[in-house]
């Protein structure tokens, strides 16, 4: 019976670790009146280095294709 108890304990710890992110999200979601991470800006409103690099790359490819 000792093996069954150990297996139950190990599976309980694994299940707890698997559902920990969900519990944290629910906790944060209920803290700020339905806003899980406070006041966040909508996507695209703030300047981003990654977005700028992607736009420059797209423009570069378009200009290379337009020259051919």
Protein backbone atom coordinates (compact mmCIF):
# COMPACT_ATOMS: atom_id res chain seq x y z
CA UNK A 1 0.00 0.00 0.00
CA UNK A 2 2.96 2.32 0.45
CA UNK A 3 3.55 2.47 -3.31
CA UNK A 4 -0.04 3.56 -3.96
CA UNK A 5 0.26 6.35 -1.41
CA UNK A 6 3.54 7.55 -2.89
CA UNK A 7 2.07 7.48 -6.39
CA UNK A 8 -0.97 9.44 -5.20
CA UNK A 9 1.26 12.06 -3.61
CA UNK A 10 3.45 12.40 -6.71
CA UNK A 11 0.41 12.69 -9.00
CA UNK A 12 -1.12 15.28 -6.66
CA UNK A 13 2.06 17.38 -6.81
CA UNK A 14 2.20 17.10 -10.62
CA UNK A 15 -1.47 18.08 -10.96
CA UNK A 16 -0.93 21.04 -8.64
CA UNK A 17 2.01 22.22 -10.72
CA UNK A 18 -0.01 21.83 -13.91
CA UNK A 19 -2.93 23.94 -12.67
CA UNK A 20 -0.85 26.55 -10.83
CA UNK A 21 -0.76 29.00 -13.79
CA UNK A 22 -4.54 28.79 -14.15
CA UNK A 23 -5.03 29.50 -10.46
CA UNK A 24 -2.65 32.45 -10.63
CA UNK A 25 -4.51 33.90 -13.63
CA UNK A 26 -7.87 33.55 -11.86
CA UNK A 27 -6.40 35.20 -8.77
CA UNK A 28 -5.04 38.15 -10.77
CA UNK A 29 -8.26 38.41 -12.80
CA UNK A 30 -10.40 38.81 -9.70
CA UNK A 31 -8.08 41.40 -8.12
CA UNK A 32 -8.57 44.40 -10.41
CA UNK A 33 -12.28 44.31 -11.34
CA UNK A 34 -11.90 41.97 -14.28
CA UNK A 35 -8.61 43.39 -15.54
CA UNK A 36 -6.09 40.59 -15.02
CA UNK A 37 -2.94 42.68 -15.30
CA UNK A 38 -4.16 46.21 -14.62
CA UNK A 39 -4.57 48.88 -17.26
CA UNK A 40 -2.81 47.74 -20.41
CA UNK A 41 -2.59 49.50 -23.73
CA UNK A 42 -4.26 47.98 -26.76
CA UNK A 43 -1.89 46.31 -29.17
CA UNK A 44 -0.27 48.68 -31.63
CA UNK A 45 -0.68 51.92 -29.71
CA UNK A 46 2.81 52.04 -28.27
CA UNK A 47 6.00 52.12 -30.39
CA UNK A 48 7.90 48.89 -30.51
CA UNK A 49 11.39 48.11 -31.78
CA UNK A 50 10.23 44.73 -33.08
CA UNK A 51 7.33 46.27 -35.01
CA UNK A 52 9.64 48.90 -36.48
CA UNK A 53 12.15 46.26 -37.60
CA UNK A 54 9.38 44.16 -39.14
CA UNK A 55 7.96 47.15 -41.01
CA UNK A 56 11.42 48.07 -42.31
CA UNK A 57 12.01 44.49 -43.47
CA UNK A 58 8.66 44.41 -45.27
CA UNK A 59 9.38 47.72 -46.98
CA UNK A 60 12.84 46.46 -48.01
CA UNK A 61 11.43 43.29 -49.55
CA UNK A 62 8.67 45.23 -51.31
CA UNK A 63 11.19 47.67 -52.76
CA UNK A 64 13.40 44.82 -53.97
CA UNK A 65 10.45 43.11 -55.62
CA UNK A 66 9.28 46.37 -57.20
CA UNK A 67 12.70 46.92 -58.83
CA UNK A 68 12.60 43.58 -60.65
